[in-house]
Structures are given as structure tokens and as C-alpha cells.
Amino acid sequence: MPIYEFHCRDCGRDFEELVLGRPEKIVCPDCGRENCEKLMSASSFFSKGADGSTTSGSAGSGCGGCAATSCATCGGGGC
């Protein structure tokens, strides 16, 4: 499902929105304004090794899952 996280630049609320296709504008559910930006969502994964062991990991927004020393290197913009 295409659920994205957004941040309202006017009132500061973070919220999720189901987005089907290309929406004209995303409207903040609190203040009703359209000054919203799409956030980078956190992700997680599970991996099963050849021996059957399971490992998991996650990457947060911005540089949380990046090995670079600065966002200028990776372009993440989270620093």
C-alpha cells in the first residue's frame, strides 16, 4: 500500500497519508493547509542465512542507515 509520511511546515504535525496515483496537494489534517513535505520513512528488513539464523536491521530517516560520514557525501539531508 502506498502510505507515505508527511510533515506540515505550518503547524509542525507529522502524519501518514494513503496516496493513490499523483495527488495534486497533500492537506494537513490539523490545520488544513497544503504546506506539507514528504518525509523519508524508516525501513526494516529480515534476512535468513544459509545456516538458518535470522538477522534483522533497520534504517531511520536521513543518515540513520547510511555509512557516509556526512549528508554531503550521500545526499540524504538528515544531518
PDB file of N, CA and C in Angstrom:
ATOM      1  N   MET A   1       0.833  -1.177   0.000  1.00  0.00           N
ATOM      2  CA  MET A   1       0.000   0.000   0.000  1.00  0.00           C
ATOM      3  C   MET A   1       0.879   1.242   0.000  1.00  0.00           C
ATOM      4  N   PRO A   2       0.543   2.232  -0.768  1.00  0.00           N
ATOM      5  CA  PRO A   2       1.354   3.449  -0.828  1.00  0.00           C
ATOM      6  C   PRO A   2       1.007   4.441   0.284  1.00  0.00           C
ATOM      7  N   ILE A   3       1.457   4.147   1.489  1.00  0.00           N
ATOM      8  CA  ILE A   3       1.249   5.049   2.621  1.00  0.00           C
ATOM      9  C   ILE A   3       2.552   5.800   2.840  1.00  0.00           C
ATOM     10  N   TYR A   4       2.472   7.132   2.849  1.00  0.00           N
ATOM     11  CA  TYR A   4       3.646   7.972   3.000  1.00  0.00           C
ATOM     12  C   TYR A   4       3.513   8.827   4.246  1.00  0.00           C
ATOM     13  N   GLU A   5       4.664   9.233   4.792  1.00  0.00           N
ATOM     14  CA  GLU A   5       4.699  10.123   5.936  1.00  0.00           C
ATOM     15  C   GLU A   5       4.944  11.543   5.439  1.00  0.00           C
ATOM     16  N   PHE A   6       4.247  12.490   6.063  1.00  0.00           N
ATOM     17  CA  PHE A   6       4.376  13.896   5.702  1.00  0.00           C
ATOM     18  C   PHE A   6       4.572  14.736   6.949  1.00  0.00           C
ATOM     19  N   HIS A   7       5.128  15.936   6.745  1.00  0.00           N
ATOM     20  CA  HIS A   7       5.321  16.911   7.819  1.00  0.00           C
ATOM     21  C   HIS A   7       4.719  18.231   7.356  1.00  0.00           C
ATOM     22  N   CYS A   8       3.864  18.821   8.183  1.00  0.00           N
ATOM     23  CA  CYS A   8       3.272  20.116   7.861  1.00  0.00           C
ATOM     24  C   CYS A   8       4.241  21.203   8.313  1.00  0.00           C
ATOM     25  N   ARG A   9       4.679  22.031   7.395  1.00  0.00           N
ATOM     26  CA  ARG A   9       5.615  23.112   7.708  1.00  0.00           C
ATOM     27  C   ARG A   9       4.946  24.250   8.469  1.00  0.00           C
ATOM     28  N   ASP A  10       3.613  24.319   8.427  1.00  0.00           N
ATOM     29  CA  ASP A  10       2.906  25.405   9.107  1.00  0.00           C
ATOM     30  C   ASP A  10       2.627  25.097  10.576  1.00  0.00           C
ATOM     31  N   CYS A  11       2.067  23.917  10.871  1.00  0.00           N
ATOM     32  CA  CYS A  11       1.718  23.607  12.267  1.00  0.00           C
ATOM     33  C   CYS A  11       2.659  22.601  12.920  1.00  0.00           C
ATOM     34  N   GLY A  12       3.528  21.948  12.122  1.00  0.00           N
ATOM     35  CA  GLY A  12       4.521  21.030  12.685  1.00  0.00           C
ATOM     36  C   GLY A  12       4.059  19.597  12.871  1.00  0.00           C
ATOM     37  N   ARG A  13       2.851  19.260  12.459  1.00  0.00           N
ATOM     38  CA  ARG A  13       2.354  17.895  12.655  1.00  0.00           C
ATOM     39  C   ARG A  13       2.957  16.936  11.638  1.00  0.00           C
ATOM     40  N   ASP A  14       3.314  15.738  12.102  1.00  0.00           N
ATOM     41  CA  ASP A  14       3.714  14.630  11.236  1.00  0.00           C
ATOM     42  C   ASP A  14       2.505  13.710  11.113  1.00  0.00           C
ATOM     43  N   PHE A  15       2.213  13.261   9.894  1.00  0.00           N
ATOM     44  CA  PHE A  15       1.059  12.401   9.680  1.00  0.00           C
ATOM     45  C   PHE A  15       1.303  11.480   8.505  1.00  0.00           C
ATOM     46  N   GLU A  16       0.487  10.425   8.401  1.00  0.00           N
ATOM     47  CA  GLU A  16       0.559   9.468   7.298  1.00  0.00           C
ATOM     48  C   GLU A  16      -0.624   9.688   6.375  1.00  0.00           C
ATOM     49  N   GLU A  17      -0.407   9.441   5.101  1.00  0.00           N
ATOM     50  CA  GLU A  17      -1.461   9.629   4.110  1.00  0.00           C
ATOM     51  C   GLU A  17      -1.377   8.512   3.073  1.00  0.00           C
ATOM     52  N   LEU A  18      -2.516   7.916   2.749  1.00  0.00           N
ATOM     53  CA  LEU A  18      -2.604   6.935   1.679  1.00  0.00           C
ATOM     54  C   LEU A  18      -2.629   7.706   0.371  1.00  0.00           C
ATOM     55  N   VAL A  19      -1.664   7.466  -0.503  1.00  0.00           N
ATOM     56  CA  VAL A  19      -1.552   8.221  -1.747  1.00  0.00           C
ATOM     57  C   VAL A  19      -1.723   7.261  -2.921  1.00  0.00           C
ATOM     58  N   LEU A  20      -2.776   7.460  -3.675  1.00  0.00           N
ATOM     59  CA  LEU A  20      -3.043   6.662  -4.863  1.00  0.00           C
ATOM     60  C   LEU A  20      -2.792   7.534  -6.079  1.00  0.00           C
ATOM     61  N   GLY A  21      -1.844   7.168  -6.907  1.00  0.00           N
ATOM     62  CA  GLY A  21      -1.503   7.988  -8.067  1.00  0.00           C
ATOM     63  C   GLY A  21      -0.693   9.202  -7.644  1.00  0.00           C
ATOM     64  N   ARG A  22      -0.784  10.260  -8.419  1.00  0.00           N
ATOM     65  CA  ARG A  22      -0.081  11.506  -8.103  1.00  0.00           C
ATOM     66  C   ARG A  22      -1.079  12.529  -7.598  1.00  0.00           C
ATOM     67  N   PRO A  23      -1.071  12.796  -6.293  1.00  0.00           N
ATOM     68  CA  PRO A  23      -2.030  13.754  -5.749  1.00  0.00           C
ATOM     69  C   PRO A  23      -1.663  15.192  -6.137  1.00  0.00           C
ATOM     70  N   GLU A  24      -2.672  16.025  -6.292  1.00  0.00           N
ATOM     71  CA  GLU A  24      -2.432  17.445  -6.562  1.00  0.00           C
ATOM     72  C   GLU A  24      -1.718  18.075  -5.368  1.00  0.00           C
ATOM     73  N   LYS A  25      -2.342  18.012  -4.202  1.00  0.00           N
ATOM     74  CA  LYS A  25      -1.784  18.587  -2.978  1.00  0.00           C
ATOM     75  C   LYS A  25      -2.123  17.682  -1.802  1.00  0.00           C
ATOM     76  N   ILE A  26      -1.225  17.624  -0.832  1.00  0.00           N
ATOM     77  CA  ILE A  26      -1.484  16.919   0.413  1.00  0.00           C
ATOM     78  C   ILE A  26      -1.910  17.975   1.427  1.00  0.00           C
ATOM     79  N   VAL A  27      -3.022  17.731   2.102  1.00  0.00           N
ATOM     80  CA  VAL A  27      -3.572  18.690   3.057  1.00  0.00           C
ATOM     81  C   VAL A  27      -3.360  18.180   4.470  1.00  0.00           C
ATOM     82  N   CYS A  28      -2.863  19.042   5.355  1.00  0.00           N
ATOM     83  CA  CYS A  28      -2.644  18.691   6.755  1.00  0.00           C
ATOM     84  C   CYS A  28      -3.989  18.449   7.438  1.00  0.00           C
ATOM     85  N   PRO A  29      -4.142  17.324   8.157  1.00  0.00           N
ATOM     86  CA  PRO A  29      -5.412  17.034   8.817  1.00  0.00           C
ATOM     87  C   PRO A  29      -5.691  17.958  10.005  1.00  0.00           C
ATOM     88  N   ASP A  30      -4.663  18.631  10.547  1.00  0.00           N
ATOM     89  CA  ASP A  30      -4.875  19.529  11.685  1.00  0.00           C
ATOM     90  C   ASP A  30      -5.242  20.943  11.251  1.00  0.00           C
ATOM     91  N   CYS A  31      -4.385  21.565  10.430  1.00  0.00           N
ATOM     92  CA  CYS A  31      -4.592  22.978  10.088  1.00  0.00           C
ATOM     93  C   CYS A  31      -5.237  23.181   8.721  1.00  0.00           C
ATOM     94  N   GLY A  32      -5.313  22.110   7.894  1.00  0.00           N
ATOM     95  CA  GLY A  32      -5.965  22.211   6.594  1.00  0.00           C
ATOM     96  C   GLY A  32      -5.139  22.901   5.517  1.00  0.00           C
ATOM     97  N   ARG A  33      -3.886  23.193   5.806  1.00  0.00           N
ATOM     98  CA  ARG A  33      -3.038  23.866   4.822  1.00  0.00           C
ATOM     99  C   ARG A  33      -2.309  22.852   3.954  1.00  0.00           C
ATOM    100  N   GLU A  34      -1.813  23.310   2.823  1.00  0.00           N
ATOM    101  CA  GLU A  34      -1.150  22.437   1.848  1.00  0.00           C
ATOM    102  C   GLU A  34       0.365  22.551   1.870  1.00  0.00           C
ATOM    103  N   ASN A  35       0.930  23.142   2.909  1.00  0.00           N
ATOM    104  CA  ASN A  35       2.371  23.343   3.003  1.00  0.00           C
ATOM    105  C   ASN A  35       3.017  22.127   3.675  1.00  0.00           C
ATOM    106  N   CYS A  36       2.959  20.973   2.995  1.00  0.00           N
ATOM    107  CA  CYS A  36       3.435  19.709   3.560  1.00  0.00           C
ATOM    108  C   CYS A  36       4.589  19.163   2.731  1.00  0.00           C
ATOM    109  N   GLU A  37       5.513  18.493   3.420  1.00  0.00           N
ATOM    110  CA  GLU A  37       6.624  17.851   2.731  1.00  0.00           C
ATOM    111  C   GLU A  37       6.617  16.362   3.040  1.00  0.00           C
ATOM    112  N   LYS A  38       7.002  15.572   2.046  1.00  0.00           N
ATOM    113  CA  LYS A  38       7.086  14.124   2.202  1.00  0.00           C
ATOM    114  C   LYS A  38       8.346  13.789   2.980  1.00  0.00           C
ATOM    115  N   LEU A  39       8.233  12.924   3.979  1.00  0.00           N
ATOM    116  CA  LEU A  39       9.365  12.513   4.799  1.00  0.00           C
ATOM    117  C   LEU A  39       9.931  11.191   4.309  1.00  0.00           C
ATOM    118  N   MET A  40      11.183  10.949   4.624  1.00  0.00           N
ATOM    119  CA  MET A  40      11.801   9.665   4.333  1.00  0.00           C
ATOM    120  C   MET A  40      11.377   8.712   5.440  1.00  0.00           C
ATOM    121  N   SER A  41      10.717   7.634   5.080  1.00  0.00           N
ATOM    122  CA  SER A  41      10.220   6.671   6.057  1.00  0.00           C
ATOM    123  C   SER A  41      11.322   5.735   6.520  1.00  0.00           C
ATOM    124  N   ALA A  42      11.203   5.300   7.764  1.00  0.00           N
ATOM    125  CA  ALA A  42      12.127   4.301   8.285  1.00  0.00           C
ATOM    126  C   ALA A  42      11.815   2.958   7.639  1.00  0.00           C
ATOM    127  N   SER A  43      12.813   2.123   7.499  1.00  0.00           N
ATOM    128  CA  SER A  43      12.595   0.803   6.920  1.00  0.00           C
ATOM    129  C   SER A  43      13.255  -0.253   7.788  1.00  0.00           C
ATOM    130  N   SER A  44      12.851  -1.479   7.592  1.00  0.00           N
ATOM    131  CA  SER A  44      13.467  -2.583   8.327  1.00  0.00           C
ATOM    132  C   SER A  44      13.529  -3.798   7.418  1.00  0.00           C
ATOM    133  N   PHE A  45      14.353  -4.765   7.802  1.00  0.00           N
ATOM    134  CA  PHE A  45      14.495  -5.964   6.984  1.00  0.00           C
ATOM    135  C   PHE A  45      14.813  -7.159   7.852  1.00  0.00           C
ATOM    136  N   PHE A  46      14.536  -8.339   7.330  1.00  0.00           N
ATOM    137  CA  PHE A  46      14.901  -9.607   7.943  1.00  0.00           C
ATOM    138  C   PHE A  46      15.624 -10.428   6.904  1.00  0.00           C
ATOM    139  N   SER A  47      16.679 -11.084   7.316  1.00  0.00           N
ATOM    140  CA  SER A  47      17.467 -11.885   6.397  1.00  0.00           C
ATOM    141  C   SER A  47      17.739 -13.242   7.031  1.00  0.00           C
ATOM    142  N   LYS A  48      17.587 -14.289   6.253  1.00  0.00           N
ATOM    143  CA  LYS A  48      17.840 -15.633   6.755  1.00  0.00           C
ATOM    144  C   LYS A  48      19.121 -16.152   6.118  1.00  0.00           C
ATOM    145  N   GLY A  49      20.070 -16.510   6.963  1.00  0.00           N
ATOM    146  CA  GLY A  49      21.350 -17.002   6.482  1.00  0.00           C
ATOM    147  C   GLY A  49      21.286 -18.457   6.054  1.00  0.00           C
ATOM    148  N   ALA A  50      22.355 -18.935   5.453  1.00  0.00           N
ATOM    149  CA  ALA A  50      22.430 -20.317   4.972  1.00  0.00           C
ATOM    150  C   ALA A  50      22.290 -21.325   6.120  1.00  0.00           C
ATOM    151  N   ASP A  51      22.720 -20.921   7.322  1.00  0.00           N
ATOM    152  CA  ASP A  51      22.632 -21.812   8.470  1.00  0.00           C
ATOM    153  C   ASP A  51      21.279 -21.736   9.175  1.00  0.00           C
ATOM    154  N   GLY A  52      20.344 -20.919   8.631  1.00  0.00           N
ATOM    155  CA  GLY A  52      19.013 -20.813   9.212  1.00  0.00           C
ATOM    156  C   GLY A  52      18.872 -19.691  10.226  1.00  0.00           C
ATOM    157  N   SER A  53      20.000 -19.026  10.566  1.00  0.00           N
ATOM    158  CA  SER A  53      19.909 -17.935  11.528  1.00  0.00           C
ATOM    159  C   SER A  53      19.242 -16.723  10.884  1.00  0.00           C
ATOM    160  N   THR A  54      18.537 -15.974  11.700  1.00  0.00           N
ATOM    161  CA  THR A  54      17.826 -14.795  11.216  1.00  0.00           C
ATOM    162  C   THR A  54      18.469 -13.539  11.790  1.00  0.00           C
ATOM    163  N   THR A  55      18.683 -12.553  10.937  1.00  0.00           N
ATOM    164  CA  THR A  55      19.184 -11.264  11.385  1.00  0.00           C
ATOM    165  C   THR A  55      18.182 -10.203  10.968  1.00  0.00           C
ATOM    166  N   SER A  56      18.169  -9.119  11.694  1.00  0.00           N
ATOM    167  CA  SER A  56      17.277  -8.023  11.335  1.00  0.00           C
ATOM    168  C   SER A  56      18.025  -6.720  11.473  1.00  0.00           C
ATOM    169  N   GLY A  57      17.510  -5.716  10.839  1.00  0.00           N
ATOM    170  CA  GLY A  57      18.110  -4.397  10.923  1.00  0.00           C
ATOM    171  C   GLY A  57      17.097  -3.364  10.537  1.00  0.00           C
ATOM    172  N   SER A  58      17.460  -2.116  10.752  1.00  0.00           N
ATOM    173  CA  SER A  58      16.572  -1.038  10.365  1.00  0.00           C
ATOM    174  C   SER A  58      17.391   0.178  10.017  1.00  0.00           C
ATOM    175  N   ALA A  59      16.786   1.042   9.240  1.00  0.00           N
ATOM    176  CA  ALA A  59      17.414   2.300   8.864  1.00  0.00           C
ATOM    177  C   ALA A  59      16.421   3.402   9.159  1.00  0.00           C
ATOM    178  N   GLY A  60      16.846   4.383   9.892  1.00  0.00           N
ATOM    179  CA  GLY A  60      15.968   5.505  10.215  1.00  0.00           C
ATOM    180  C   GLY A  60      15.957   6.534   9.117  1.00  0.00           C
ATOM    181  N   SER A  61      15.269   7.617   9.352  1.00  0.00           N
ATOM    182  CA  SER A  61      15.214   8.696   8.388  1.00  0.00           C
ATOM    183  C   SER A  61      16.568   9.358   8.258  1.00  0.00           C
ATOM    184  N   GLY A  62      16.790   9.974   7.129  1.00  0.00           N
ATOM    185  CA  GLY A  62      18.027  10.705   6.913  1.00  0.00           C
ATOM    186  C   GLY A  62      19.211   9.775   6.860  1.00  0.00           C
ATOM    187  N   CYS A  63      20.254  10.091   7.616  1.00  0.00           N
ATOM    188  CA  CYS A  63      21.502   9.335   7.568  1.00  0.00           C
ATOM    189  C   CYS A  63      21.525   8.150   8.530  1.00  0.00           C
ATOM    190  N   GLY A  64      20.425   7.803   9.166  1.00  0.00           N
ATOM    191  CA  GLY A  64      20.411   6.717  10.130  1.00  0.00           C
ATOM    192  C   GLY A  64      20.900   5.391   9.577  1.00  0.00           C
ATOM    193  N   GLY A  65      20.632   5.093   8.323  1.00  0.00           N
ATOM    194  CA  GLY A  65      21.049   3.835   7.734  1.00  0.00           C
ATOM    195  C   GLY A  65      22.180   4.000   6.747  1.00  0.00           C
ATOM    196  N   CYS A  66      22.848   5.141   6.774  1.00  0.00           N
ATOM    197  CA  CYS A  66      23.884   5.456   5.805  1.00  0.00           C
ATOM    198  C   CYS A  66      25.262   5.310   6.429  1.00  0.00           C
ATOM    199  N   ALA A  67      26.200   4.793   5.685  1.00  0.00           N
ATOM    200  CA  ALA A  67      27.561   4.621   6.181  1.00  0.00           C
ATOM    201  C   ALA A  67      28.429   5.846   5.934  1.00  0.00           C
ATOM    202  N   ALA A  68      27.917   6.832   5.223  1.00  0.00           N
ATOM    203  CA  ALA A  68      28.695   8.042   4.931  1.00  0.00           C
ATOM    204  C   ALA A  68      28.906   8.847   6.207  1.00  0.00           C
ATOM    205  N   THR A  69      29.942   9.667   6.236  1.00  0.00           N
ATOM    206  CA  THR A  69      30.226  10.493   7.407  1.00  0.00           C
ATOM    207  C   THR A  69      29.492  11.817   7.375  1.00  0.00           C
ATOM    208  N   SER A  70      28.941  12.202   6.237  1.00  0.00           N
ATOM    209  CA  SER A  70      28.144  13.427   6.182  1.00  0.00           C
ATOM    210  C   SER A  70      27.106  13.305   5.071  1.00  0.00           C
ATOM    211  N   CYS A  71      26.029  14.079   5.189  1.00  0.00           N
ATOM    212  CA  CYS A  71      24.972  14.029   4.171  1.00  0.00           C
ATOM    213  C   CYS A  71      25.446  14.629   2.844  1.00  0.00           C
ATOM    214  N   ALA A  72      26.502  15.427   2.883  1.00  0.00           N
ATOM    215  CA  ALA A  72      27.056  15.956   1.636  1.00  0.00           C
ATOM    216  C   ALA A  72      27.581  14.809   0.776  1.00  0.00           C
ATOM    217  N   THR A  73      27.986  13.723   1.430  1.00  0.00           N
ATOM    218  CA  THR A  73      28.510  12.559   0.719  1.00  0.00           C
ATOM    219  C   THR A  73      27.396  11.728   0.090  1.00  0.00           C
ATOM    220  N   CYS A  74      26.344  11.468   0.899  1.00  0.00           N
ATOM    221  CA  CYS A  74      25.280  10.578   0.407  1.00  0.00           C
ATOM    222  C   CYS A  74      24.056  11.312  -0.106  1.00  0.00           C
ATOM    223  N   GLY A  75      23.904  12.590   0.214  1.00  0.00           N
ATOM    224  CA  GLY A  75      22.756  13.353  -0.251  1.00  0.00           C
ATOM    225  C   GLY A  75      21.489  13.106   0.535  1.00  0.00           C
ATOM    226  N   GLY A  76      21.601  12.472   1.712  1.00  0.00           N
ATOM    227  CA  GLY A  76      20.421  12.144   2.497  1.00  0.00           C
ATOM    228  C   GLY A  76      19.713  13.332   3.096  1.00  0.00           C
ATOM    229  N   GLY A  77      20.411  14.373   3.453  1.00  0.00           N
ATOM    230  CA  GLY A  77      19.798  15.564   4.008  1.00  0.00           C
ATOM    231  C   GLY A  77      19.328  15.440   5.440  1.00  0.00           C
ATOM    232  N   GLY A  78      19.638  14.363   6.144  1.00  0.00           N
ATOM    233  CA  GLY A  78      19.156  14.177   7.508  1.00  0.00           C
ATOM    234  C   GLY A  78      20.076  14.710   8.577  1.00  0.00           C
ATOM    235  N   CYS A  79      21.251  15.159   8.236  1.00  0.00           N
ATOM    236  CA  CYS A  79      22.203  15.654   9.252  1.00  0.00           C
ATOM    237  C   CYS A  79      22.009  17.121   9.519  1.00  0.00           C
TER     238      CYS A  79
END
